[in-house]
């Protein structure tokens, strides 16, 4: 979320949902995390995250909605 907000804008989580689909073991190998802001409005934003292994299997998935607010930055 932070990377798409202008200076002087803060955020806090309204909700967070995570699903762990496969175990991550010592021999799982390199992991790749992909984060995407799905929608950014004036007061709220929605983000999505995925965790994948080196063969592109989905290991975990999460979504979060956030409230946006001005800060004193």
PDB file of N, CA and C in Angstrom:
ATOM      1  N   UNK A   1       0.812  -1.171   0.000  1.00  0.00           N
ATOM      2  CA  UNK A   1       0.000   0.000   0.000  1.00  0.00           C
ATOM      3  C   UNK A   1       0.867   1.251   0.000  1.00  0.00           C
ATOM      4  N   UNK A   2       1.876   1.241   0.829  1.00  0.00           N
ATOM      5  CA  UNK A   2       2.698   2.430   1.056  1.00  0.00           C
ATOM      6  C   UNK A   2       3.286   2.993  -0.240  1.00  0.00           C
ATOM      7  N   UNK A   3       3.667   2.137  -1.157  1.00  0.00           N
ATOM      8  CA  UNK A   3       4.361   2.594  -2.372  1.00  0.00           C
ATOM      9  C   UNK A   3       3.478   3.386  -3.327  1.00  0.00           C
ATOM     10  N   UNK A   4       2.163   3.314  -3.205  1.00  0.00           N
ATOM     11  CA  UNK A   4       1.284   4.040  -4.131  1.00  0.00           C
ATOM     12  C   UNK A   4       0.638   5.271  -3.498  1.00  0.00           C
ATOM     13  N   UNK A   5       0.950   5.556  -2.244  1.00  0.00           N
ATOM     14  CA  UNK A   5       0.331   6.693  -1.564  1.00  0.00           C
ATOM     15  C   UNK A   5       1.222   7.926  -1.636  1.00  0.00           C
ATOM     16  N   UNK A   6       0.624   9.104  -1.799  1.00  0.00           N
ATOM     17  CA  UNK A   6       1.423  10.329  -1.807  1.00  0.00           C
ATOM     18  C   UNK A   6       1.949  10.643  -0.407  1.00  0.00           C
ATOM     19  N   UNK A   7       3.002  11.458  -0.344  1.00  0.00           N
ATOM     20  CA  UNK A   7       3.537  11.889   0.945  1.00  0.00           C
ATOM     21  C   UNK A   7       2.427  12.552   1.746  1.00  0.00           C
ATOM     22  N   UNK A   8       2.426  12.320   3.043  1.00  0.00           N
ATOM     23  CA  UNK A   8       1.411  12.909   3.896  1.00  0.00           C
ATOM     24  C   UNK A   8       0.148  12.077   4.011  1.00  0.00           C
ATOM     25  N   UNK A   9       0.178  10.843   3.489  1.00  0.00           N
ATOM     26  CA  UNK A   9      -0.970   9.944   3.603  1.00  0.00           C
ATOM     27  C   UNK A   9      -0.562   8.715   4.405  1.00  0.00           C
ATOM     28  N   UNK A  10      -1.309   8.426   5.447  1.00  0.00           N
ATOM     29  CA  UNK A  10      -1.082   7.236   6.251  1.00  0.00           C
ATOM     30  C   UNK A  10      -2.189   6.224   6.008  1.00  0.00           C
ATOM     31  N   UNK A  11      -2.047   5.049   6.598  1.00  0.00           N
ATOM     32  CA  UNK A  11      -3.065   4.013   6.434  1.00  0.00           C
ATOM     33  C   UNK A  11      -3.041   3.070   7.630  1.00  0.00           C
ATOM     34  N   UNK A  12      -4.165   2.433   7.855  1.00  0.00           N
ATOM     35  CA  UNK A  12      -4.278   1.412   8.886  1.00  0.00           C
ATOM     36  C   UNK A  12      -5.206   0.316   8.374  1.00  0.00           C
ATOM     37  N   UNK A  13      -5.004  -0.893   8.845  1.00  0.00           N
ATOM     38  CA  UNK A  13      -5.806  -2.028   8.375  1.00  0.00           C
ATOM     39  C   UNK A  13      -7.231  -1.962   8.903  1.00  0.00           C
ATOM     40  N   UNK A  14      -8.177  -2.181   8.014  1.00  0.00           N
ATOM     41  CA  UNK A  14      -9.571  -2.380   8.404  1.00  0.00           C
ATOM     42  C   UNK A  14      -9.851  -3.864   8.576  1.00  0.00           C
ATOM     43  N   UNK A  15      -9.264  -4.685   7.694  1.00  0.00           N
ATOM     44  CA  UNK A  15      -9.337  -6.137   7.840  1.00  0.00           C
ATOM     45  C   UNK A  15      -8.178  -6.778   7.101  1.00  0.00           C
ATOM     46  N   UNK A  16      -7.872  -7.999   7.499  1.00  0.00           N
ATOM     47  CA  UNK A  16      -6.785  -8.762   6.893  1.00  0.00           C
ATOM     48  C   UNK A  16      -7.202 -10.224   6.889  1.00  0.00           C
ATOM     49  N   UNK A  17      -7.084 -10.865   5.730  1.00  0.00           N
ATOM     50  CA  UNK A  17      -7.419 -12.278   5.606  1.00  0.00           C
ATOM     51  C   UNK A  17      -6.257 -12.991   4.932  1.00  0.00           C
ATOM     52  N   UNK A  18      -5.756 -14.046   5.557  1.00  0.00           N
ATOM     53  CA  UNK A  18      -4.646 -14.812   4.994  1.00  0.00           C
ATOM     54  C   UNK A  18      -5.029 -16.287   4.915  1.00  0.00           C
ATOM     55  N   UNK A  19      -4.674 -16.916   3.800  1.00  0.00           N
ATOM     56  CA  UNK A  19      -4.898 -18.349   3.600  1.00  0.00           C
ATOM     57  C   UNK A  19      -3.548 -18.997   3.304  1.00  0.00           C
ATOM     58  N   UNK A  20      -3.187 -19.992   4.097  1.00  0.00           N
ATOM     59  CA  UNK A  20      -1.946 -20.728   3.909  1.00  0.00           C
ATOM     60  C   UNK A  20      -2.301 -22.043   3.226  1.00  0.00           C
ATOM     61  N   UNK A  21      -1.863 -22.206   1.983  1.00  0.00           N
ATOM     62  CA  UNK A  21      -2.315 -23.313   1.148  1.00  0.00           C
ATOM     63  C   UNK A  21      -1.381 -24.512   1.149  1.00  0.00           C
ATOM     64  N   UNK A  22      -0.089 -24.274   1.282  1.00  0.00           N
ATOM     65  CA  UNK A  22       0.907 -25.356   1.273  1.00  0.00           C
ATOM     66  C   UNK A  22       1.960 -25.059   2.339  1.00  0.00           C
ATOM     67  N   UNK A  23       2.587 -26.094   2.882  1.00  0.00           N
ATOM     68  CA  UNK A  23       3.628 -25.841   3.884  1.00  0.00           C
ATOM     69  C   UNK A  23       4.894 -25.282   3.240  1.00  0.00           C
ATOM     70  N   UNK A  24       5.617 -24.490   4.005  1.00  0.00           N
ATOM     71  CA  UNK A  24       6.927 -23.991   3.585  1.00  0.00           C
ATOM     72  C   UNK A  24       7.947 -24.685   4.474  1.00  0.00           C
ATOM     73  N   UNK A  25       8.778 -25.502   3.855  1.00  0.00           N
ATOM     74  CA  UNK A  25       9.760 -26.299   4.581  1.00  0.00           C
ATOM     75  C   UNK A  25      11.162 -25.787   4.287  1.00  0.00           C
ATOM     76  N   UNK A  26      12.147 -26.324   4.999  1.00  0.00           N
ATOM     77  CA  UNK A  26      13.535 -25.903   4.804  1.00  0.00           C
ATOM     78  C   UNK A  26      13.996 -26.137   3.371  1.00  0.00           C
ATOM     79  N   UNK A  27      13.466 -27.165   2.698  1.00  0.00           N
ATOM     80  CA  UNK A  27      13.890 -27.462   1.326  1.00  0.00           C
ATOM     81  C   UNK A  27      12.918 -26.921   0.266  1.00  0.00           C
ATOM     82  N   UNK A  28      12.026 -26.023   0.636  1.00  0.00           N
ATOM     83  CA  UNK A  28      11.087 -25.445  -0.332  1.00  0.00           C
ATOM     84  C   UNK A  28      11.822 -24.638  -1.392  1.00  0.00           C
ATOM     85  N   UNK A  29      12.936 -24.028  -1.028  1.00  0.00           N
ATOM     86  CA  UNK A  29      13.711 -23.238  -1.986  1.00  0.00           C
ATOM     87  C   UNK A  29      13.294 -21.779  -1.978  1.00  0.00           C
ATOM     88  N   UNK A  30      13.727 -21.049  -3.009  1.00  0.00           N
ATOM     89  CA  UNK A  30      13.429 -19.614  -3.073  1.00  0.00           C
ATOM     90  C   UNK A  30      11.923 -19.354  -3.144  1.00  0.00           C
ATOM     91  N   UNK A  31      11.513 -18.272  -2.512  1.00  0.00           N
ATOM     92  CA  UNK A  31      10.114 -17.857  -2.525  1.00  0.00           C
ATOM     93  C   UNK A  31      10.001 -16.499  -3.207  1.00  0.00           C
ATOM     94  N   UNK A  32       8.827 -16.230  -3.762  1.00  0.00           N
ATOM     95  CA  UNK A  32       8.568 -14.946  -4.410  1.00  0.00           C
ATOM     96  C   UNK A  32       7.273 -14.383  -3.839  1.00  0.00           C
ATOM     97  N   UNK A  33       7.330 -13.141  -3.369  1.00  0.00           N
ATOM     98  CA  UNK A  33       6.138 -12.461  -2.850  1.00  0.00           C
ATOM     99  C   UNK A  33       5.714 -11.397  -3.854  1.00  0.00           C
ATOM    100  N   UNK A  34       4.424 -11.373  -4.172  1.00  0.00           N
ATOM    101  CA  UNK A  34       3.872 -10.420  -5.126  1.00  0.00           C
ATOM    102  C   UNK A  34       2.760  -9.653  -4.426  1.00  0.00           C
ATOM    103  N   UNK A  35       2.891  -8.341  -4.352  1.00  0.00           N
ATOM    104  CA  UNK A  35       1.870  -7.503  -3.737  1.00  0.00           C
ATOM    105  C   UNK A  35       1.265  -6.576  -4.778  1.00  0.00           C
ATOM    106  N   UNK A  36      -0.054  -6.434  -4.751  1.00  0.00           N
ATOM    107  CA  UNK A  36      -0.761  -5.606  -5.724  1.00  0.00           C
ATOM    108  C   UNK A  36      -1.820  -4.777  -5.013  1.00  0.00           C
ATOM    109  N   UNK A  37      -1.857  -3.489  -5.333  1.00  0.00           N
ATOM    110  CA  UNK A  37      -2.964  -2.655  -4.867  1.00  0.00           C
ATOM    111  C   UNK A  37      -4.069  -2.801  -5.905  1.00  0.00           C
ATOM    112  N   UNK A  38      -5.184  -3.362  -5.509  1.00  0.00           N
ATOM    113  CA  UNK A  38      -6.282  -3.646  -6.427  1.00  0.00           C
ATOM    114  C   UNK A  38      -7.114  -2.404  -6.693  1.00  0.00           C
ATOM    115  N   UNK A  39      -7.353  -1.627  -5.637  1.00  0.00           N
ATOM    116  CA  UNK A  39      -8.171  -0.427  -5.783  1.00  0.00           C
ATOM    117  C   UNK A  39      -7.749   0.584  -4.731  1.00  0.00           C
ATOM    118  N   UNK A  40      -7.617   1.838  -5.139  1.00  0.00           N
ATOM    119  CA  UNK A  40      -7.308   2.917  -4.195  1.00  0.00           C
ATOM    120  C   UNK A  40      -8.311   4.036  -4.394  1.00  0.00           C
ATOM    121  N   UNK A  41      -9.103   4.275  -3.382  1.00  0.00           N
ATOM    122  CA  UNK A  41     -10.069   5.363  -3.424  1.00  0.00           C
ATOM    123  C   UNK A  41      -9.588   6.520  -2.568  1.00  0.00           C
ATOM    124  N   UNK A  42     -10.506   7.435  -2.261  1.00  0.00           N
ATOM    125  CA  UNK A  42     -10.164   8.586  -1.431  1.00  0.00           C
ATOM    126  C   UNK A  42      -9.944   8.200   0.024  1.00  0.00           C
ATOM    127  N   UNK A  43     -10.732   7.256   0.537  1.00  0.00           N
ATOM    128  CA  UNK A  43     -10.688   6.930   1.961  1.00  0.00           C
ATOM    129  C   UNK A  43     -10.294   5.496   2.265  1.00  0.00           C
ATOM    130  N   UNK A  44     -10.394   4.606   1.282  1.00  0.00           N
ATOM    131  CA  UNK A  44     -10.025   3.206   1.510  1.00  0.00           C
ATOM    132  C   UNK A  44      -9.234   2.666   0.323  1.00  0.00           C
ATOM    133  N   UNK A  45      -8.531   1.570   0.573  1.00  0.00           N
ATOM    134  CA  UNK A  45      -7.770   0.893  -0.476  1.00  0.00           C
ATOM    135  C   UNK A  45      -7.807  -0.610  -0.208  1.00  0.00           C
ATOM    136  N   UNK A  46      -7.667  -1.388  -1.270  1.00  0.00           N
ATOM    137  CA  UNK A  46      -7.689  -2.844  -1.183  1.00  0.00           C
ATOM    138  C   UNK A  46      -6.413  -3.398  -1.803  1.00  0.00           C
ATOM    139  N   UNK A  47      -5.742  -4.289  -1.079  1.00  0.00           N
ATOM    140  CA  UNK A  47      -4.492  -4.880  -1.558  1.00  0.00           C
ATOM    141  C   UNK A  47      -4.580  -6.404  -1.526  1.00  0.00           C
ATOM    142  N   UNK A  48      -3.774  -7.026  -2.379  1.00  0.00           N
ATOM    143  CA  UNK A  48      -3.722  -8.473  -2.535  1.00  0.00           C
ATOM    144  C   UNK A  48      -2.249  -8.897  -2.473  1.00  0.00           C
ATOM    145  N   UNK A  49      -1.962 -10.040  -1.870  1.00  0.00           N
ATOM    146  CA  UNK A  49      -0.592 -10.557  -1.830  1.00  0.00           C
ATOM    147  C   UNK A  49      -0.599 -12.057  -2.095  1.00  0.00           C
ATOM    148  N   UNK A  50       0.445 -12.520  -2.779  1.00  0.00           N
ATOM    149  CA  UNK A  50       0.631 -13.948  -3.045  1.00  0.00           C
ATOM    150  C   UNK A  50       2.054 -14.337  -2.682  1.00  0.00           C
ATOM    151  N   UNK A  51       2.224 -15.554  -2.200  1.00  0.00           N
ATOM    152  CA  UNK A  51       3.539 -16.125  -1.951  1.00  0.00           C
ATOM    153  C   UNK A  51       3.648 -17.375  -2.806  1.00  0.00           C
ATOM    154  N   UNK A  52       4.676 -17.422  -3.672  1.00  0.00           N
ATOM    155  CA  UNK A  52       4.842 -18.531  -4.614  1.00  0.00           C
ATOM    156  C   UNK A  52       6.235 -19.137  -4.482  1.00  0.00           C
ATOM    157  N   UNK A  53       6.337 -20.433  -4.824  1.00  0.00           N
ATOM    158  CA  UNK A  53       7.639 -21.093  -4.806  1.00  0.00           C
ATOM    159  C   UNK A  53       8.310 -20.967  -6.171  1.00  0.00           C
ATOM    160  N   UNK A  54       9.467 -21.600  -6.328  1.00  0.00           N
ATOM    161  CA  UNK A  54      10.242 -21.458  -7.568  1.00  0.00           C
ATOM    162  C   UNK A  54       9.573 -22.116  -8.773  1.00  0.00           C
ATOM    163  N   UNK A  55       8.592 -22.994  -8.545  1.00  0.00           N
ATOM    164  CA  UNK A  55       7.846 -23.592  -9.660  1.00  0.00           C
ATOM    165  C   UNK A  55       6.508 -22.891  -9.875  1.00  0.00           C
ATOM    166  N   UNK A  56       6.335 -21.731  -9.237  1.00  0.00           N
ATOM    167  CA  UNK A  56       5.152 -20.874  -9.365  1.00  0.00           C
ATOM    168  C   UNK A  56       3.906 -21.444  -8.686  1.00  0.00           C
ATOM    169  N   UNK A  57       4.080 -22.407  -7.777  1.00  0.00           N
ATOM    170  CA  UNK A  57       2.931 -22.903  -7.004  1.00  0.00           C
ATOM    171  C   UNK A  57       2.553 -21.867  -5.955  1.00  0.00           C
ATOM    172  N   UNK A  58       1.258 -21.641  -5.799  1.00  0.00           N
ATOM    173  CA  UNK A  58       0.758 -20.701  -4.807  1.00  0.00           C
ATOM    174  C   UNK A  58       0.835 -21.336  -3.419  1.00  0.00           C
ATOM    175  N   UNK A  59       1.572 -20.695  -2.513  1.00  0.00           N
ATOM    176  CA  UNK A  59       1.742 -21.207  -1.154  1.00  0.00           C
ATOM    177  C   UNK A  59       0.830 -20.501  -0.156  1.00  0.00           C
ATOM    178  N   UNK A  60       0.602 -19.210  -0.384  1.00  0.00           N
ATOM    179  CA  UNK A  60      -0.257 -18.435   0.516  1.00  0.00           C
ATOM    180  C   UNK A  60      -0.853 -17.268  -0.252  1.00  0.00           C
ATOM    181  N   UNK A  61      -2.004 -16.811   0.231  1.00  0.00           N
ATOM    182  CA  UNK A  61      -2.717 -15.707  -0.412  1.00  0.00           C
ATOM    183  C   UNK A  61      -3.320 -14.843   0.683  1.00  0.00           C
ATOM    184  N   UNK A  62      -3.277 -13.517   0.520  1.00  0.00           N
ATOM    185  CA  UNK A  62      -3.853 -12.622   1.521  1.00  0.00           C
ATOM    186  C   UNK A  62      -4.492 -11.415   0.854  1.00  0.00           C
ATOM    187  N   UNK A  63      -5.509 -10.867   1.512  1.00  0.00           N
ATOM    188  CA  UNK A  63      -6.111  -9.605   1.091  1.00  0.00           C
ATOM    189  C   UNK A  63      -6.233  -8.710   2.318  1.00  0.00           C
ATOM    190  N   UNK A  64      -6.173  -7.406   2.075  1.00  0.00           N
ATOM    191  CA  UNK A  64      -6.321  -6.444   3.155  1.00  0.00           C
ATOM    192  C   UNK A  64      -7.014  -5.203   2.637  1.00  0.00           C
ATOM    193  N   UNK A  65      -7.943  -4.689   3.417  1.00  0.00           N
ATOM    194  CA  UNK A  65      -8.504  -3.379   3.108  1.00  0.00           C
ATOM    195  C   UNK A  65      -7.991  -2.409   4.168  1.00  0.00           C
ATOM    196  N   UNK A  66      -7.677  -1.201   3.720  1.00  0.00           N
ATOM    197  CA  UNK A  66      -7.070  -0.202   4.596  1.00  0.00           C
ATOM    198  C   UNK A  66      -7.830   1.111   4.539  1.00  0.00           C
ATOM    199  N   UNK A  67      -7.827   1.817   5.650  1.00  0.00           N
ATOM    200  CA  UNK A  67      -8.371   3.160   5.703  1.00  0.00           C
ATOM    201  C   UNK A  67      -7.217   4.137   5.486  1.00  0.00           C
ATOM    202  N   UNK A  68      -7.423   5.108   4.618  1.00  0.00           N
ATOM    203  CA  UNK A  68      -6.415   6.118   4.319  1.00  0.00           C
ATOM    204  C   UNK A  68      -6.740   7.391   5.096  1.00  0.00           C
ATOM    205  N   UNK A  69      -5.691   8.104   5.551  1.00  0.00           N
ATOM    206  CA  UNK A  69      -5.910   9.339   6.313  1.00  0.00           C
ATOM    207  C   UNK A  69      -4.703  10.259   6.161  1.00  0.00           C
ATOM    208  N   UNK A  70      -4.912  11.573   6.300  1.00  0.00           N
ATOM    209  CA  UNK A  70      -3.795  12.516   6.215  1.00  0.00           C
ATOM    210  C   UNK A  70      -2.931  12.437   7.475  1.00  0.00           C
ATOM    211  N   UNK A  71      -1.625  12.679   7.296  1.00  0.00           N
ATOM    212  CA  UNK A  71      -0.694  12.715   8.427  1.00  0.00           C
ATOM    213  C   UNK A  71      -0.022  14.079   8.467  1.00  0.00           C
ATOM    214  N   UNK A  72       0.793  14.286   9.472  1.00  0.00           N
ATOM    215  CA  UNK A  72       1.508  15.559   9.627  1.00  0.00           C
ATOM    216  C   UNK A  72       2.887  15.519   8.993  1.00  0.00           C
ATOM    217  N   UNK A  73       3.093  14.665   7.992  1.00  0.00           N
ATOM    218  CA  UNK A  73       4.424  14.472   7.389  1.00  0.00           C
ATOM    219  C   UNK A  73       4.941  15.698   6.697  1.00  0.00           C
TER     220      UNK A  73
END
